[in-house]
């Protein structure tokens, strides 16, 4: 599967939710659920939004980090989703700590 196809599929909230559960990473699931609740989103909505925000806003270094993770991963989809969700969680936390309204700053491109 090509990276573009992976990104497209992760943009679907049902697929993203299923992929998130399939990873079996309970601490990550707890973080995603808490972050999603802050925005009125289900875990699947948050994960799908994270993939869209990453695709639109990630720096070259962020992309390089994801490509490195993909090279080492057995499951490219899971590695891609995990990297994007962790990126979104870091950015949403940082921006809400900086006083951005509701932590939605990554959606606005700041």
C-alpha atoms as a PDB file:
ATOM      1  CA  UNK A   1       0.000   0.000   0.000  1.00  0.00           C
ATOM      2  CA  UNK A   2       1.317   3.447  -0.896  1.00  0.00           C
ATOM      3  CA  UNK A   3       1.650   6.187   1.715  1.00  0.00           C
ATOM      4  CA  UNK A   4      -1.092   8.233   0.054  1.00  0.00           C
ATOM      5  CA  UNK A   5      -3.465   5.297   0.367  1.00  0.00           C
ATOM      6  CA  UNK A   6      -2.553   4.833   4.029  1.00  0.00           C
ATOM      7  CA  UNK A   7      -3.205   8.531   4.709  1.00  0.00           C
ATOM      8  CA  UNK A   8      -6.514   8.405   2.869  1.00  0.00           C
ATOM      9  CA  UNK A   9      -7.701   5.389   4.846  1.00  0.00           C
ATOM     10  CA  UNK A  10      -6.587   6.902   8.165  1.00  0.00           C
ATOM     11  CA  UNK A  11      -8.697   9.968   7.355  1.00  0.00           C
ATOM     12  CA  UNK A  12     -11.789   7.776   7.739  1.00  0.00           C
ATOM     13  CA  UNK A  13     -12.812   7.809  11.396  1.00  0.00           C
ATOM     14  CA  UNK A  14     -14.148   4.235  11.445  1.00  0.00           C
ATOM     15  CA  UNK A  15     -10.944   2.874   9.933  1.00  0.00           C
ATOM     16  CA  UNK A  16      -8.798   5.052  12.237  1.00  0.00           C
ATOM     17  CA  UNK A  17     -10.715   3.841  15.307  1.00  0.00           C
ATOM     18  CA  UNK A  18     -10.309   0.217  14.239  1.00  0.00           C
ATOM     19  CA  UNK A  19      -6.588   0.701  13.542  1.00  0.00           C
ATOM     20  CA  UNK A  20      -6.124   2.432  16.897  1.00  0.00           C
ATOM     21  CA  UNK A  21      -7.771  -0.464  18.745  1.00  0.00           C
ATOM     22  CA  UNK A  22      -5.804  -3.031  16.745  1.00  0.00           C
ATOM     23  CA  UNK A  23      -2.517  -1.507  17.915  1.00  0.00           C
ATOM     24  CA  UNK A  24      -3.316  -2.619  21.458  1.00  0.00           C
ATOM     25  CA  UNK A  25      -1.490   0.384  22.947  1.00  0.00           C
ATOM     26  CA  UNK A  26      -3.648   1.034  26.017  1.00  0.00           C
ATOM     27  CA  UNK A  27      -1.769   4.141  27.258  1.00  0.00           C
ATOM     28  CA  UNK A  28      -2.094   5.717  23.809  1.00  0.00           C
ATOM     29  CA  UNK A  29      -5.807   4.860  23.699  1.00  0.00           C
ATOM     30  CA  UNK A  30      -6.331   6.552  27.065  1.00  0.00           C
ATOM     31  CA  UNK A  31      -4.537   9.689  25.842  1.00  0.00           C
ATOM     32  CA  UNK A  32      -6.529   9.747  22.601  1.00  0.00           C
ATOM     33  CA  UNK A  33      -9.809   9.309  24.442  1.00  0.00           C
ATOM     34  CA  UNK A  34      -8.978  12.152  26.861  1.00  0.00           C
ATOM     35  CA  UNK A  35      -7.850  14.463  24.044  1.00  0.00           C
ATOM     36  CA  UNK A  36     -10.918  13.604  22.012  1.00  0.00           C
ATOM     37  CA  UNK A  37     -13.197  14.406  24.942  1.00  0.00           C
ATOM     38  CA  UNK A  38     -11.614  17.859  25.174  1.00  0.00           C
ATOM     39  CA  UNK A  39     -12.783  18.515  21.615  1.00  0.00           C
ATOM     40  CA  UNK A  40     -16.069  16.611  21.745  1.00  0.00           C
ATOM     41  CA  UNK A  41     -14.664  13.871  19.500  1.00  0.00           C
ATOM     42  CA  UNK A  42     -14.669  10.101  19.665  1.00  0.00           C
ATOM     43  CA  UNK A  43     -11.273   8.373  19.621  1.00  0.00           C
ATOM     44  CA  UNK A  44     -11.817   7.564  15.934  1.00  0.00           C
ATOM     45  CA  UNK A  45     -12.627  11.187  15.108  1.00  0.00           C
ATOM     46  CA  UNK A  46      -9.554  12.392  16.984  1.00  0.00           C
ATOM     47  CA  UNK A  47      -7.286   9.842  15.264  1.00  0.00           C
ATOM     48  CA  UNK A  48      -8.663  10.667  11.811  1.00  0.00           C
ATOM     49  CA  UNK A  49      -8.273  14.383  12.531  1.00  0.00           C
ATOM     50  CA  UNK A  50      -4.730  13.785  13.740  1.00  0.00           C
ATOM     51  CA  UNK A  51      -3.821  12.169  10.425  1.00  0.00           C
ATOM     52  CA  UNK A  52      -5.352  15.072   8.485  1.00  0.00           C
ATOM     53  CA  UNK A  53      -3.622  17.690  10.650  1.00  0.00           C
ATOM     54  CA  UNK A  54      -0.299  15.880  10.341  1.00  0.00           C
ATOM     55  CA  UNK A  55      -0.626  15.706   6.551  1.00  0.00           C
ATOM     56  CA  UNK A  56      -1.407  19.424   6.385  1.00  0.00           C
ATOM     57  CA  UNK A  57       0.824  20.883   9.097  1.00  0.00           C
ATOM     58  CA  UNK A  58       3.763  18.603   9.896  1.00  0.00           C
ATOM     59  CA  UNK A  59       7.267  19.908   9.365  1.00  0.00           C
ATOM     60  CA  UNK A  60       9.874  18.225   7.200  1.00  0.00           C
ATOM     61  CA  UNK A  61      11.466  16.841  10.368  1.00  0.00           C
ATOM     62  CA  UNK A  62       8.135  15.352  11.444  1.00  0.00           C
ATOM     63  CA  UNK A  63       7.769  13.659   8.049  1.00  0.00           C
ATOM     64  CA  UNK A  64      11.321  12.354   8.220  1.00  0.00           C
ATOM     65  CA  UNK A  65      10.597  10.912  11.654  1.00  0.00           C
ATOM     66  CA  UNK A  66       7.520   9.177  10.318  1.00  0.00           C
ATOM     67  CA  UNK A  67       9.392   7.768   7.331  1.00  0.00           C
ATOM     68  CA  UNK A  68      12.046   6.398   9.696  1.00  0.00           C
ATOM     69  CA  UNK A  69       9.338   4.787  11.827  1.00  0.00           C
ATOM     70  CA  UNK A  70       7.761   3.270   8.702  1.00  0.00           C
ATOM     71  CA  UNK A  71      11.068   1.741   7.611  1.00  0.00           C
ATOM     72  CA  UNK A  72      11.326  -0.103  10.915  1.00  0.00           C
ATOM     73  CA  UNK A  73       7.698  -1.147  11.227  1.00  0.00           C
ATOM     74  CA  UNK A  74       6.082  -4.441  10.313  1.00  0.00           C
ATOM     75  CA  UNK A  75       2.681  -2.736   9.964  1.00  0.00           C
ATOM     76  CA  UNK A  76       3.019   0.539   8.050  1.00  0.00           C
ATOM     77  CA  UNK A  77      -0.552   1.647   8.774  1.00  0.00           C
ATOM     78  CA  UNK A  78      -0.203   1.208  12.522  1.00  0.00           C
ATOM     79  CA  UNK A  79       3.195   2.920  12.577  1.00  0.00           C
ATOM     80  CA  UNK A  80       1.851   5.806  10.529  1.00  0.00           C
ATOM     81  CA  UNK A  81      -1.205   6.247  12.747  1.00  0.00           C
ATOM     82  CA  UNK A  82       0.812   6.003  15.954  1.00  0.00           C
ATOM     83  CA  UNK A  83       3.312   8.606  14.761  1.00  0.00           C
ATOM     84  CA  UNK A  84       0.573  11.012  13.642  1.00  0.00           C
ATOM     85  CA  UNK A  85      -1.513  10.599  16.784  1.00  0.00           C
ATOM     86  CA  UNK A  86       1.505  11.110  19.042  1.00  0.00           C
ATOM     87  CA  UNK A  87       2.388  14.232  17.006  1.00  0.00           C
ATOM     88  CA  UNK A  88      -1.154  15.583  17.397  1.00  0.00           C
ATOM     89  CA  UNK A  89      -1.222  14.831  21.130  1.00  0.00           C
ATOM     90  CA  UNK A  90       2.074  16.694  21.635  1.00  0.00           C
ATOM     91  CA  UNK A  91       0.899  19.683  19.614  1.00  0.00           C
ATOM     92  CA  UNK A  92      -2.552  19.833  21.188  1.00  0.00           C
ATOM     93  CA  UNK A  93      -1.051  19.697  24.689  1.00  0.00           C
ATOM     94  CA  UNK A  94       1.582  22.332  23.930  1.00  0.00           C
ATOM     95  CA  UNK A  95      -0.912  24.665  22.327  1.00  0.00           C
ATOM     96  CA  UNK A  96      -3.502  24.298  25.083  1.00  0.00           C
ATOM     97  CA  UNK A  97      -0.719  24.984  27.620  1.00  0.00           C
ATOM     98  CA  UNK A  98       0.109  28.138  25.634  1.00  0.00           C
ATOM     99  CA  UNK A  99      -3.477  29.357  26.035  1.00  0.00           C
ATOM    100  CA  UNK A 100      -4.930  28.530  22.617  1.00  0.00           C
ATOM    101  CA  UNK A 101      -8.698  28.253  22.788  1.00  0.00           C
ATOM    102  CA  UNK A 102      -9.599  24.651  23.443  1.00  0.00           C
ATOM    103  CA  UNK A 103      -6.328  23.338  22.057  1.00  0.00           C
ATOM    104  CA  UNK A 104      -7.705  23.492  18.493  1.00  0.00           C
ATOM    105  CA  UNK A 105      -4.712  25.434  17.221  1.00  0.00           C
ATOM    106  CA  UNK A 106      -3.336  22.607  15.107  1.00  0.00           C
ATOM    107  CA  UNK A 107      -6.523  22.784  13.056  1.00  0.00           C
ATOM    108  CA  UNK A 108      -5.861  26.452  12.292  1.00  0.00           C
ATOM    109  CA  UNK A 109      -2.307  25.992  11.100  1.00  0.00           C
ATOM    110  CA  UNK A 110      -0.541  27.920  13.880  1.00  0.00           C
END
